[in-house]
Every structure is written in C-alpha cells, then in structure tokens.
C-alpha cells in the first residue's frame, strides 16, 4: 500500500520540509521512518499488516502530531494524509475524526488552547 501526504504548519500554512514521519507498531517499535521532501510532501510503500499502530510526525520547530490507533491491515492501496502541525503537542485517533461533531469539538478545543497560550 502507498501512503503519501503533505505536512503543513498550522499558523503559517507553510509546508514543512524535512519533517520526520515514523510508522510505529502498537508496542512502539518502528515499522518505517521517512522524511518529507523540500516541499513538505512524502510518499512511502508499506506492506499490508494485520497490526495496529500509529504515525508520528515531528516537524521540529513546526510542531508534532501523533495519529494513533491505525489498523494497518485495513488501509486501502492509496492513502493520502494531510497533516497540520501545531506548536504544542497534539495526539489524535481515527475515532476523533469519524463524526462531524467530533471534528467540530476538536476545532473548538484547539482554538481554546491557542487562546490560553497567548
């Protein structure tokens, strides 16, 4: 399966070059590690697995994102990820993005965290 995507910084909307993308098994061991290119894009091929895991994206000064509870066995052949990095650590699971009201709540929480940081 091919997983590709673009990594941007939330505040500036700029793409993040040289971000480190780690594909991890649920127990924390690394399945694969790659970096985004100069344009903030990445693409890699992974074998379909019957394991759960996560994706960690470290954009250095641009922020950090963890996408947890991924079932690598149900990923379709071409999966595209649009990752937005925030200056504070943030973790997400697939279930948080499943329903629109959950996405709206997430947006509200992020806005509240931004206000508190000012």
PDB file of N, CA and C in Angstrom:
ATOM      1  N   UNK A   1       0.840  -1.175   0.000  1.00  0.00           N
ATOM      2  CA  UNK A   1       0.000   0.000   0.000  1.00  0.00           C
ATOM      3  C   UNK A   1       0.885   1.238   0.000  1.00  0.00           C
ATOM      4  N   UNK A   2       0.404   2.308  -0.615  1.00  0.00           N
ATOM      5  CA  UNK A   2       1.144   3.562  -0.669  1.00  0.00           C
ATOM      6  C   UNK A   2       0.481   4.574   0.262  1.00  0.00           C
ATOM      7  N   UNK A   3       1.281   5.163   1.123  1.00  0.00           N
ATOM      8  CA  UNK A   3       0.810   6.239   1.997  1.00  0.00           C
ATOM      9  C   UNK A   3       1.589   7.480   1.603  1.00  0.00           C
ATOM     10  N   UNK A   4       0.861   8.531   1.255  1.00  0.00           N
ATOM     11  CA  UNK A   4       1.508   9.783   0.871  1.00  0.00           C
ATOM     12  C   UNK A   4       0.811  10.925   1.586  1.00  0.00           C
ATOM     13  N   UNK A   5       1.406  12.098   1.525  1.00  0.00           N
ATOM     14  CA  UNK A   5       0.770  13.229   2.170  1.00  0.00           C
ATOM     15  C   UNK A   5       1.571  14.506   2.086  1.00  0.00           C
ATOM     16  N   UNK A   6       0.994  15.515   2.716  1.00  0.00           N
ATOM     17  CA  UNK A   6       1.591  16.839   2.786  1.00  0.00           C
ATOM     18  C   UNK A   6       1.541  17.281   4.242  1.00  0.00           C
ATOM     19  N   UNK A   7       2.620  17.881   4.700  1.00  0.00           N
ATOM     20  CA  UNK A   7       2.704  18.358   6.076  1.00  0.00           C
ATOM     21  C   UNK A   7       2.802  19.872   6.051  1.00  0.00           C
ATOM     22  N   UNK A   8       1.886  20.532   6.774  1.00  0.00           N
ATOM     23  CA  UNK A   8       1.899  21.990   6.847  1.00  0.00           C
ATOM     24  C   UNK A   8       1.916  22.440   8.303  1.00  0.00           C
ATOM     25  N   UNK A   9       2.366  23.661   8.506  1.00  0.00           N
ATOM     26  CA  UNK A   9       2.348  24.275   9.827  1.00  0.00           C
ATOM     27  C   UNK A   9       1.048  25.050   9.971  1.00  0.00           C
ATOM     28  N   UNK A  10       0.357  24.862  11.084  1.00  0.00           N
ATOM     29  CA  UNK A  10      -0.972  25.447  11.278  1.00  0.00           C
ATOM     30  C   UNK A  10      -0.964  26.977  11.193  1.00  0.00           C
ATOM     31  N   UNK A  11      -0.053  27.612  11.877  1.00  0.00           N
ATOM     32  CA  UNK A  11      -0.083  29.072  11.969  1.00  0.00           C
ATOM     33  C   UNK A  11       0.271  29.746  10.646  1.00  0.00           C
ATOM     34  N   UNK A  12       1.322  29.296  10.002  1.00  0.00           N
ATOM     35  CA  UNK A  12       1.797  29.956   8.783  1.00  0.00           C
ATOM     36  C   UNK A  12       1.202  29.367   7.509  1.00  0.00           C
ATOM     37  N   UNK A  13       0.622  28.184   7.604  1.00  0.00           N
ATOM     38  CA  UNK A  13       0.081  27.446   6.449  1.00  0.00           C
ATOM     39  C   UNK A  13       1.181  27.021   5.471  1.00  0.00           C
ATOM     40  N   UNK A  14       2.428  27.165   5.874  1.00  0.00           N
ATOM     41  CA  UNK A  14       3.550  26.768   5.028  1.00  0.00           C
ATOM     42  C   UNK A  14       3.798  25.270   5.143  1.00  0.00           C
ATOM     43  N   UNK A  15       4.296  24.707   4.076  1.00  0.00           N
ATOM     44  CA  UNK A  15       4.656  23.291   4.092  1.00  0.00           C
ATOM     45  C   UNK A  15       5.933  23.094   4.896  1.00  0.00           C
ATOM     46  N   UNK A  16       6.041  21.941   5.534  1.00  0.00           N
ATOM     47  CA  UNK A  16       7.158  21.669   6.441  1.00  0.00           C
ATOM     48  C   UNK A  16       8.155  20.705   5.779  1.00  0.00           C
ATOM     49  N   UNK A  17       9.328  21.219   5.388  1.00  0.00           N
ATOM     50  CA  UNK A  17      10.345  20.334   4.806  1.00  0.00           C
ATOM     51  C   UNK A  17      11.072  19.556   5.897  1.00  0.00           C
ATOM     52  N   UNK A  18      11.593  18.413   5.540  1.00  0.00           N
ATOM     53  CA  UNK A  18      12.426  17.593   6.430  1.00  0.00           C
ATOM     54  C   UNK A  18      11.749  17.177   7.729  1.00  0.00           C
ATOM     55  N   UNK A  19      10.423  17.078   7.725  1.00  0.00           N
ATOM     56  CA  UNK A  19       9.727  16.546   8.895  1.00  0.00           C
ATOM     57  C   UNK A  19       9.975  15.042   8.939  1.00  0.00           C
ATOM     58  N   UNK A  20      10.109  14.510  10.134  1.00  0.00           N
ATOM     59  CA  UNK A  20      10.338  13.073  10.281  1.00  0.00           C
ATOM     60  C   UNK A  20       8.993  12.377  10.487  1.00  0.00           C
ATOM     61  N   UNK A  21       8.714  11.375   9.665  1.00  0.00           N
ATOM     62  CA  UNK A  21       7.468  10.610   9.754  1.00  0.00           C
ATOM     63  C   UNK A  21       7.840   9.194  10.162  1.00  0.00           C
ATOM     64  N   UNK A  22       7.299   8.757  11.313  1.00  0.00           N
ATOM     65  CA  UNK A  22       7.588   7.418  11.815  1.00  0.00           C
ATOM     66  C   UNK A  22       6.307   6.598  11.842  1.00  0.00           C
ATOM     67  N   UNK A  23       6.354   5.424  11.254  1.00  0.00           N
ATOM     68  CA  UNK A  23       5.256   4.476  11.286  1.00  0.00           C
ATOM     69  C   UNK A  23       5.617   3.462  12.365  1.00  0.00           C
ATOM     70  N   UNK A  24       4.795   3.370  13.405  1.00  0.00           N
ATOM     71  CA  UNK A  24       5.119   2.542  14.567  1.00  0.00           C
ATOM     72  C   UNK A  24       4.104   1.424  14.775  1.00  0.00           C
ATOM     73  N   UNK A  25       4.592   0.278  15.236  1.00  0.00           N
ATOM     74  CA  UNK A  25       3.704  -0.783  15.705  1.00  0.00           C
ATOM     75  C   UNK A  25       3.109  -0.354  17.033  1.00  0.00           C
ATOM     76  N   UNK A  26       2.024  -1.005  17.469  1.00  0.00           N
ATOM     77  CA  UNK A  26       1.348  -0.622  18.715  1.00  0.00           C
ATOM     78  C   UNK A  26       2.265  -0.726  19.927  1.00  0.00           C
ATOM     79  N   UNK A  27       3.231  -1.641  19.891  1.00  0.00           N
ATOM     80  CA  UNK A  27       4.144  -1.764  21.036  1.00  0.00           C
ATOM     81  C   UNK A  27       5.261  -0.729  21.002  1.00  0.00           C
ATOM     82  N   UNK A  28       5.278   0.120  19.971  1.00  0.00           N
ATOM     83  CA  UNK A  28       6.222   1.229  19.909  1.00  0.00           C
ATOM     84  C   UNK A  28       7.418   1.022  19.006  1.00  0.00           C
ATOM     85  N   UNK A  29       7.642  -0.192  18.525  1.00  0.00           N
ATOM     86  CA  UNK A  29       8.792  -0.395  17.648  1.00  0.00           C
ATOM     87  C   UNK A  29       8.516   0.223  16.277  1.00  0.00           C
ATOM     88  N   UNK A  30       9.571   0.639  15.604  1.00  0.00           N
ATOM     89  CA  UNK A  30       9.452   1.349  14.336  1.00  0.00           C
ATOM     90  C   UNK A  30       9.273   0.384  13.173  1.00  0.00           C
ATOM     91  N   UNK A  31       8.224   0.623  12.408  1.00  0.00           N
ATOM     92  CA  UNK A  31       7.977  -0.121  11.176  1.00  0.00           C
ATOM     93  C   UNK A  31       8.787   0.502  10.039  1.00  0.00           C
ATOM     94  N   UNK A  32       8.731   1.834   9.950  1.00  0.00           N
ATOM     95  CA  UNK A  32       9.452   2.554   8.904  1.00  0.00           C
ATOM     96  C   UNK A  32       9.596   4.010   9.314  1.00  0.00           C
ATOM     97  N   UNK A  33      10.688   4.648   8.869  1.00  0.00           N
ATOM     98  CA  UNK A  33      10.920   6.061   9.156  1.00  0.00           C
ATOM     99  C   UNK A  33      11.340   6.732   7.854  1.00  0.00           C
ATOM    100  N   UNK A  34      10.669   7.860   7.532  1.00  0.00           N
ATOM    101  CA  UNK A  34      10.995   8.624   6.329  1.00  0.00           C
ATOM    102  C   UNK A  34      10.972  10.113   6.675  1.00  0.00           C
ATOM    103  N   UNK A  35      11.359  10.945   5.722  1.00  0.00           N
ATOM    104  CA  UNK A  35      11.305  12.396   5.902  1.00  0.00           C
ATOM    105  C   UNK A  35      10.532  13.023   4.755  1.00  0.00           C
ATOM    106  N   UNK A  36       9.906  14.165   5.053  1.00  0.00           N
ATOM    107  CA  UNK A  36       9.230  14.905   3.985  1.00  0.00           C
ATOM    108  C   UNK A  36      10.296  15.589   3.125  1.00  0.00           C
ATOM    109  N   UNK A  37       9.950  15.847   1.874  1.00  0.00           N
ATOM    110  CA  UNK A  37      10.900  16.494   0.970  1.00  0.00           C
ATOM    111  C   UNK A  37      10.892  18.009   1.185  1.00  0.00           C
ATOM    112  N   UNK A  38      11.577  18.736   0.337  1.00  0.00           N
ATOM    113  CA  UNK A  38      11.691  20.197   0.466  1.00  0.00           C
ATOM    114  C   UNK A  38      10.352  20.897   0.325  1.00  0.00           C
ATOM    115  N   UNK A  39       9.374  20.231  -0.279  1.00  0.00           N
ATOM    116  CA  UNK A  39       8.040  20.803  -0.466  1.00  0.00           C
ATOM    117  C   UNK A  39       7.052  20.340   0.610  1.00  0.00           C
ATOM    118  N   UNK A  40       7.521  19.605   1.625  1.00  0.00           N
ATOM    119  CA  UNK A  40       6.646  19.131   2.692  1.00  0.00           C
ATOM    120  C   UNK A  40       5.849  17.891   2.333  1.00  0.00           C
ATOM    121  N   UNK A  41       6.164  17.261   1.213  1.00  0.00           N
ATOM    122  CA  UNK A  41       5.441  16.072   0.761  1.00  0.00           C
ATOM    123  C   UNK A  41       6.201  14.812   1.149  1.00  0.00           C
ATOM    124  N   UNK A  42       5.467  13.701   1.255  1.00  0.00           N
ATOM    125  CA  UNK A  42       6.109  12.410   1.483  1.00  0.00           C
ATOM    126  C   UNK A  42       5.296  11.320   0.808  1.00  0.00           C
ATOM    127  N   UNK A  43       5.959  10.213   0.539  1.00  0.00           N
ATOM    128  CA  UNK A  43       5.303   9.048  -0.039  1.00  0.00           C
ATOM    129  C   UNK A  43       6.139   7.827   0.299  1.00  0.00           C
ATOM    130  N   UNK A  44       5.471   6.751   0.695  1.00  0.00           N
ATOM    131  CA  UNK A  44       6.172   5.515   1.015  1.00  0.00           C
ATOM    132  C   UNK A  44       5.259   4.329   0.772  1.00  0.00           C
ATOM    133  N   UNK A  45       5.844   3.197   0.603  1.00  0.00           N
ATOM    134  CA  UNK A  45       5.084   1.968   0.442  1.00  0.00           C
ATOM    135  C   UNK A  45       5.270   1.114   1.684  1.00  0.00           C
ATOM    136  N   UNK A  46       4.161   0.560   2.170  1.00  0.00           N
ATOM    137  CA  UNK A  46       4.180  -0.350   3.310  1.00  0.00           C
ATOM    138  C   UNK A  46       3.443  -1.622   2.922  1.00  0.00           C
ATOM    139  N   UNK A  47       3.892  -2.737   3.472  1.00  0.00           N
ATOM    140  CA  UNK A  47       3.160  -3.987   3.272  1.00  0.00           C
ATOM    141  C   UNK A  47       1.909  -3.933   4.140  1.00  0.00           C
ATOM    142  N   UNK A  48       0.795  -4.510   3.648  1.00  0.00           N
ATOM    143  CA  UNK A  48      -0.417  -4.567   4.471  1.00  0.00           C
ATOM    144  C   UNK A  48      -0.146  -5.473   5.656  1.00  0.00           C
ATOM    145  N   UNK A  49      -0.477  -5.005   6.826  1.00  0.00           N
ATOM    146  CA  UNK A  49      -0.222  -5.749   8.058  1.00  0.00           C
ATOM    147  C   UNK A  49      -1.524  -5.991   8.792  1.00  0.00           C
ATOM    148  N   UNK A  50      -1.540  -6.970   9.633  1.00  0.00           N
ATOM    149  CA  UNK A  50      -2.717  -7.192  10.480  1.00  0.00           C
ATOM    150  C   UNK A  50      -2.396  -6.706  11.883  1.00  0.00           C
ATOM    151  N   UNK A  51      -1.800  -5.537  11.958  1.00  0.00           N
ATOM    152  CA  UNK A  51      -1.405  -4.960  13.246  1.00  0.00           C
ATOM    153  C   UNK A  51      -1.914  -3.541  13.358  1.00  0.00           C
ATOM    154  N   UNK A  52      -2.129  -3.130  14.591  1.00  0.00           N
ATOM    155  CA  UNK A  52      -2.441  -1.746  14.866  1.00  0.00           C
ATOM    156  C   UNK A  52      -1.143  -0.993  15.113  1.00  0.00           C
ATOM    157  N   UNK A  53      -1.196   0.294  14.911  1.00  0.00           N
ATOM    158  CA  UNK A  53      -0.022   1.107  15.155  1.00  0.00           C
ATOM    159  C   UNK A  53      -0.358   2.566  15.163  1.00  0.00           C
ATOM    160  N   UNK A  54       0.638   3.386  14.880  1.00  0.00           N
ATOM    161  CA  UNK A  54       0.436   4.832  14.869  1.00  0.00           C
ATOM    162  C   UNK A  54       1.416   5.466  13.900  1.00  0.00           C
ATOM    163  N   UNK A  55       1.153   6.730  13.607  1.00  0.00           N
ATOM    164  CA  UNK A  55       2.059   7.528  12.782  1.00  0.00           C
ATOM    165  C   UNK A  55       2.433   8.751  13.609  1.00  0.00           C
ATOM    166  N   UNK A  56       3.729   8.993  13.758  1.00  0.00           N
ATOM    167  CA  UNK A  56       4.212  10.186  14.448  1.00  0.00           C
ATOM    168  C   UNK A  56       4.889  11.087  13.430  1.00  0.00           C
ATOM    169  N   UNK A  57       4.546  12.367  13.484  1.00  0.00           N
ATOM    170  CA  UNK A  57       5.152  13.341  12.580  1.00  0.00           C
ATOM    171  C   UNK A  57       5.805  14.420  13.436  1.00  0.00           C
ATOM    172  N   UNK A  58       7.111  14.561  13.276  1.00  0.00           N
ATOM    173  CA  UNK A  58       7.886  15.543  14.030  1.00  0.00           C
ATOM    174  C   UNK A  58       8.419  16.582  13.058  1.00  0.00           C
ATOM    175  N   UNK A  59       7.843  17.773  13.116  1.00  0.00           N
ATOM    176  CA  UNK A  59       8.249  18.862  12.231  1.00  0.00           C
ATOM    177  C   UNK A  59       9.260  19.779  12.852  1.00  0.00           C
ATOM    178  N   UNK A  60      10.004  19.277  13.849  1.00  0.00           N
ATOM    179  CA  UNK A  60      10.993  20.071  14.571  1.00  0.00           C
ATOM    180  C   UNK A  60      10.319  21.298  15.156  1.00  0.00           C
ATOM    181  N   UNK A  61      10.703  22.496  14.767  1.00  0.00           N
ATOM    182  CA  UNK A  61      10.121  23.708  15.357  1.00  0.00           C
ATOM    183  C   UNK A  61       8.691  23.964  14.893  1.00  0.00           C
ATOM    184  N   UNK A  62       8.217  23.228  13.873  1.00  0.00           N
ATOM    185  CA  UNK A  62       6.852  23.429  13.363  1.00  0.00           C
ATOM    186  C   UNK A  62       5.810  22.702  14.211  1.00  0.00           C
ATOM    187  N   UNK A  63       6.219  21.740  15.027  1.00  0.00           N
ATOM    188  CA  UNK A  63       5.284  21.030  15.884  1.00  0.00           C
ATOM    189  C   UNK A  63       5.360  19.525  15.721  1.00  0.00           C
ATOM    190  N   UNK A  64       4.425  18.850  16.397  1.00  0.00           N
ATOM    191  CA  UNK A  64       4.418  17.392  16.471  1.00  0.00           C
ATOM    192  C   UNK A  64       2.981  16.898  16.386  1.00  0.00           C
ATOM    193  N   UNK A  65       2.772  15.754  15.739  1.00  0.00           N
ATOM    194  CA  UNK A  65       1.438  15.166  15.623  1.00  0.00           C
ATOM    195  C   UNK A  65       1.547  13.659  15.729  1.00  0.00           C
ATOM    196  N   UNK A  66       0.648  13.049  16.512  1.00  0.00           N
ATOM    197  CA  UNK A  66       0.545  11.601  16.583  1.00  0.00           C
ATOM    198  C   UNK A  66      -0.838  11.200  16.110  1.00  0.00           C
ATOM    199  N   UNK A  67      -0.891  10.305  15.154  1.00  0.00           N
ATOM    200  CA  UNK A  67      -2.160   9.725  14.711  1.00  0.00           C
ATOM    201  C   UNK A  67      -2.147   8.296  15.237  1.00  0.00           C
ATOM    202  N   UNK A  68      -2.973   8.022  16.242  1.00  0.00           N
ATOM    203  CA  UNK A  68      -2.923   6.748  16.953  1.00  0.00           C
ATOM    204  C   UNK A  68      -4.019   5.796  16.489  1.00  0.00           C
ATOM    205  N   UNK A  69      -3.896   4.551  16.927  1.00  0.00           N
ATOM    206  CA  UNK A  69      -4.897   3.504  16.685  1.00  0.00           C
ATOM    207  C   UNK A  69      -5.202   3.295  15.215  1.00  0.00           C
ATOM    208  N   UNK A  70      -4.185   3.166  14.414  1.00  0.00           N
ATOM    209  CA  UNK A  70      -4.357   2.899  12.986  1.00  0.00           C
ATOM    210  C   UNK A  70      -4.284   1.397  12.764  1.00  0.00           C
ATOM    211  N   UNK A  71      -5.245   0.878  12.036  1.00  0.00           N
ATOM    212  CA  UNK A  71      -5.217  -0.528  11.652  1.00  0.00           C
ATOM    213  C   UNK A  71      -4.547  -0.604  10.288  1.00  0.00           C
ATOM    214  N   UNK A  72      -3.275  -0.947  10.264  1.00  0.00           N
ATOM    215  CA  UNK A  72      -2.528  -1.006   9.003  1.00  0.00           C
ATOM    216  C   UNK A  72      -3.097  -2.068   8.062  1.00  0.00           C
ATOM    217  N   UNK A  73      -3.893  -2.995   8.564  1.00  0.00           N
ATOM    218  CA  UNK A  73      -4.477  -4.039   7.736  1.00  0.00           C
ATOM    219  C   UNK A  73      -5.642  -3.573   6.885  1.00  0.00           C
ATOM    220  N   UNK A  74      -6.320  -2.472   7.286  1.00  0.00           N
ATOM    221  CA  UNK A  74      -7.480  -2.017   6.512  1.00  0.00           C
ATOM    222  C   UNK A  74      -7.181  -0.797   5.650  1.00  0.00           C
ATOM    223  N   UNK A  75      -5.947  -0.284   5.693  1.00  0.00           N
ATOM    224  CA  UNK A  75      -5.592   0.816   4.808  1.00  0.00           C
ATOM    225  C   UNK A  75      -5.778   0.359   3.374  1.00  0.00           C
ATOM    226  N   UNK A  76      -6.372   1.191   2.567  1.00  0.00           N
ATOM    227  CA  UNK A  76      -6.522   0.848   1.153  1.00  0.00           C
ATOM    228  C   UNK A  76      -5.192   1.077   0.442  1.00  0.00           C
ATOM    229  N   UNK A  77      -5.132   0.693  -0.820  1.00  0.00           N
ATOM    230  CA  UNK A  77      -3.869   0.755  -1.552  1.00  0.00           C
ATOM    231  C   UNK A  77      -3.258   2.151  -1.607  1.00  0.00           C
ATOM    232  N   UNK A  78      -4.063   3.183  -1.728  1.00  0.00           N
ATOM    233  CA  UNK A  78      -3.543   4.548  -1.781  1.00  0.00           C
ATOM    234  C   UNK A  78      -4.215   5.384  -0.708  1.00  0.00           C
ATOM    235  N   UNK A  79      -3.464   5.732   0.314  1.00  0.00           N
ATOM    236  CA  UNK A  79      -3.971   6.560   1.402  1.00  0.00           C
ATOM    237  C   UNK A  79      -3.218   7.873   1.399  1.00  0.00           C
ATOM    238  N   UNK A  80      -3.952   8.971   1.479  1.00  0.00           N
ATOM    239  CA  UNK A  80      -3.342  10.304   1.470  1.00  0.00           C
ATOM    240  C   UNK A  80      -3.632  10.978   2.803  1.00  0.00           C
ATOM    241  N   UNK A  81      -2.611  11.547   3.398  1.00  0.00           N
ATOM    242  CA  UNK A  81      -2.721  12.203   4.701  1.00  0.00           C
ATOM    243  C   UNK A  81      -2.383  13.678   4.534  1.00  0.00           C
ATOM    244  N   UNK A  82      -3.252  14.540   5.067  1.00  0.00           N
ATOM    245  CA  UNK A  82      -2.954  15.967   5.136  1.00  0.00           C
ATOM    246  C   UNK A  82      -2.746  16.271   6.614  1.00  0.00           C
ATOM    247  N   UNK A  83      -1.501  16.462   7.012  1.00  0.00           N
ATOM    248  CA  UNK A  83      -1.156  16.670   8.417  1.00  0.00           C
ATOM    249  C   UNK A  83      -0.869  18.143   8.675  1.00  0.00           C
ATOM    250  N   UNK A  84      -1.519  18.681   9.695  1.00  0.00           N
ATOM    251  CA  UNK A  84      -1.285  20.055  10.114  1.00  0.00           C
ATOM    252  C   UNK A  84      -0.627  20.018  11.481  1.00  0.00           C
ATOM    253  N   UNK A  85       0.533  20.634  11.592  1.00  0.00           N
ATOM    254  CA  UNK A  85       1.286  20.619  12.844  1.00  0.00           C
ATOM    255  C   UNK A  85       1.027  21.897  13.630  1.00  0.00           C
ATOM    256  N   UNK A  86       0.863  21.727  14.930  1.00  0.00           N
ATOM    257  CA  UNK A  86       0.674  22.846  15.839  1.00  0.00           C
ATOM    258  C   UNK A  86       1.904  22.968  16.717  1.00  0.00           C
ATOM    259  N   UNK A  87       2.116  24.130  17.290  1.00  0.00           N
ATOM    260  CA  UNK A  87       3.296  24.376  18.117  1.00  0.00           C
ATOM    261  C   UNK A  87       3.278  23.557  19.403  1.00  0.00           C
ATOM    262  N   UNK A  88       2.107  23.105  19.824  1.00  0.00           N
ATOM    263  CA  UNK A  88       2.003  22.287  21.027  1.00  0.00           C
ATOM    264  C   UNK A  88       1.795  20.842  20.612  1.00  0.00           C
ATOM    265  N   UNK A  89       2.115  19.923  21.500  1.00  0.00           N
ATOM    266  CA  UNK A  89       1.931  18.508  21.201  1.00  0.00           C
ATOM    267  C   UNK A  89       0.454  18.197  21.086  1.00  0.00           C
ATOM    268  N   UNK A  90       0.108  17.374  20.117  1.00  0.00           N
ATOM    269  CA  UNK A  90      -1.287  17.027  19.905  1.00  0.00           C
ATOM    270  C   UNK A  90      -1.364  15.586  19.427  1.00  0.00           C
ATOM    271  N   UNK A  91      -2.283  14.823  19.981  1.00  0.00           N
ATOM    272  CA  UNK A  91      -2.480  13.443  19.566  1.00  0.00           C
ATOM    273  C   UNK A  91      -3.907  13.267  19.091  1.00  0.00           C
ATOM    274  N   UNK A  92      -4.100  12.431  18.085  1.00  0.00           N
ATOM    275  CA  UNK A  92      -5.431  12.190  17.544  1.00  0.00           C
ATOM    276  C   UNK A  92      -5.612  10.710  17.259  1.00  0.00           C
ATOM    277  N   UNK A  93      -6.837  10.270  17.317  1.00  0.00           N
ATOM    278  CA  UNK A  93      -7.148   8.908  16.919  1.00  0.00           C
ATOM    279  C   UNK A  93      -8.132   8.961  15.763  1.00  0.00           C
ATOM    280  N   UNK A  94      -8.252   7.875  15.043  1.00  0.00           N
ATOM    281  CA  UNK A  94      -9.194   7.822  13.926  1.00  0.00           C
ATOM    282  C   UNK A  94     -10.609   8.136  14.402  1.00  0.00           C
ATOM    283  N   UNK A  95     -10.975   7.646  15.576  1.00  0.00           N
ATOM    284  CA  UNK A  95     -12.337   7.821  16.056  1.00  0.00           C
ATOM    285  C   UNK A  95     -12.686   9.283  16.293  1.00  0.00           C
ATOM    286  N   UNK A  96     -11.702  10.097  16.659  1.00  0.00           N
ATOM    287  CA  UNK A  96     -11.971  11.510  16.891  1.00  0.00           C
ATOM    288  C   UNK A  96     -12.423  12.216  15.618  1.00  0.00           C
ATOM    289  N   UNK A  97     -12.047  11.702  14.473  1.00  0.00           N
ATOM    290  CA  UNK A  97     -12.368  12.355  13.217  1.00  0.00           C
ATOM    291  C   UNK A  97     -13.517  11.678  12.481  1.00  0.00           C
ATOM    292  N   UNK A  98     -14.101  10.652  13.077  1.00  0.00           N
ATOM    293  CA  UNK A  98     -15.135   9.884  12.393  1.00  0.00           C
ATOM    294  C   UNK A  98     -16.420  10.687  12.220  1.00  0.00           C
ATOM    295  N   UNK A  99     -16.870  11.374  13.249  1.00  0.00           N
ATOM    296  CA  UNK A  99     -18.128  12.124  13.203  1.00  0.00           C
ATOM    297  C   UNK A  99     -17.850  13.622  13.088  1.00  0.00           C
ATOM    298  N   UNK A 100     -18.731  14.318  12.374  1.00  0.00           N
ATOM    299  CA  UNK A 100     -18.559  15.757  12.183  1.00  0.00           C
ATOM    300  C   UNK A 100     -18.559  16.500  13.513  1.00  0.00           C
ATOM    301  N   UNK A 101     -19.427  16.107  14.434  1.00  0.00           N
ATOM    302  CA  UNK A 101     -19.475  16.815  15.718  1.00  0.00           C
ATOM    303  C   UNK A 101     -18.176  16.631  16.497  1.00  0.00           C
ATOM    304  N   UNK A 102     -17.502  15.492  16.304  1.00  0.00           N
ATOM    305  CA  UNK A 102     -16.211  15.291  16.954  1.00  0.00           C
ATOM    306  C   UNK A 102     -15.151  16.196  16.338  1.00  0.00           C
ATOM    307  N   UNK A 103     -15.175  16.343  15.024  1.00  0.00           N
ATOM    308  CA  UNK A 103     -14.222  17.242  14.359  1.00  0.00           C
ATOM    309  C   UNK A 103     -14.465  18.686  14.809  1.00  0.00           C
ATOM    310  N   UNK A 104     -15.750  19.075  14.920  1.00  0.00           N
ATOM    311  CA  UNK A 104     -16.071  20.427  15.370  1.00  0.00           C
ATOM    312  C   UNK A 104     -15.591  20.657  16.794  1.00  0.00           C
ATOM    313  N   UNK A 105     -15.767  19.656  17.652  1.00  0.00           N
ATOM    314  CA  UNK A 105     -15.301  19.771  19.030  1.00  0.00           C
ATOM    315  C   UNK A 105     -13.783  19.902  19.072  1.00  0.00           C
ATOM    316  N   UNK A 106     -13.108  19.136  18.251  1.00  0.00           N
ATOM    317  CA  UNK A 106     -11.657  19.214  18.186  1.00  0.00           C
ATOM    318  C   UNK A 106     -11.218  20.618  17.786  1.00  0.00           C
ATOM    319  N   UNK A 107     -11.881  21.208  16.805  1.00  0.00           N
ATOM    320  CA  UNK A 107     -11.553  22.570  16.377  1.00  0.00           C
ATOM    321  C   UNK A 107     -11.743  23.555  17.517  1.00  0.00           C
ATOM    322  N   UNK A 108     -12.844  23.391  18.270  1.00  0.00           N
ATOM    323  CA  UNK A 108     -13.091  24.290  19.410  1.00  0.00           C
ATOM    324  C   UNK A 108     -11.995  24.155  20.467  1.00  0.00           C
ATOM    325  N   UNK A 109     -11.595  22.922  20.740  1.00  0.00           N
ATOM    326  CA  UNK A 109     -10.551  22.692  21.740  1.00  0.00           C
ATOM    327  C   UNK A 109      -9.222  23.287  21.298  1.00  0.00           C
ATOM    328  N   UNK A 110      -8.896  23.158  20.036  1.00  0.00           N
ATOM    329  CA  UNK A 110      -7.647  23.721  19.527  1.00  0.00           C
ATOM    330  C   UNK A 110      -7.669  25.235  19.640  1.00  0.00           C
ATOM    331  N   UNK A 111      -8.794  25.849  19.271  1.00  0.00           N
ATOM    332  CA  UNK A 111      -8.911  27.309  19.389  1.00  0.00           C
ATOM    333  C   UNK A 111      -8.776  27.753  20.843  1.00  0.00           C
ATOM    334  N   UNK A 112      -9.361  27.010  21.761  1.00  0.00           N
ATOM    335  CA  UNK A 112      -9.263  27.339  23.187  1.00  0.00           C
ATOM    336  C   UNK A 112      -7.815  27.224  23.663  1.00  0.00           C
ATOM    337  N   UNK A 113      -7.110  26.196  23.221  1.00  0.00           N
ATOM    338  CA  UNK A 113      -5.708  26.035  23.606  1.00  0.00           C
ATOM    339  C   UNK A 113      -4.859  27.174  23.063  1.00  0.00           C
ATOM    340  N   UNK A 114      -5.156  27.619  21.845  1.00  0.00           N
ATOM    341  CA  UNK A 114      -4.422  28.749  21.268  1.00  0.00           C
ATOM    342  C   UNK A 114      -4.633  30.003  22.091  1.00  0.00           C
ATOM    343  N   UNK A 115      -5.880  30.247  22.539  1.00  0.00           N
ATOM    344  CA  UNK A 115      -6.166  31.432  23.352  1.00  0.00           C
ATOM    345  C   UNK A 115      -5.416  31.383  24.668  1.00  0.00           C
ATOM    346  N   UNK A 116      -5.334  30.198  25.272  1.00  0.00           N
ATOM    347  CA  UNK A 116      -4.648  30.054  26.560  1.00  0.00           C
ATOM    348  C   UNK A 116      -3.142  30.291  26.424  1.00  0.00           C
ATOM    349  N   UNK A 117      -2.578  29.980  25.269  1.00  0.00           N
ATOM    350  CA  UNK A 117      -1.129  30.130  25.058  1.00  0.00           C
ATOM    351  C   UNK A 117      -0.724  31.583  24.857  1.00  0.00           C
ATOM    352  N   UNK A 118      -1.676  32.449  24.506  1.00  0.00           N
ATOM    353  CA  UNK A 118      -1.341  33.866  24.214  1.00  0.00           C
ATOM    354  C   UNK A 118      -1.005  34.620  25.449  1.00  0.00           C
TER     355      UNK A 118
END
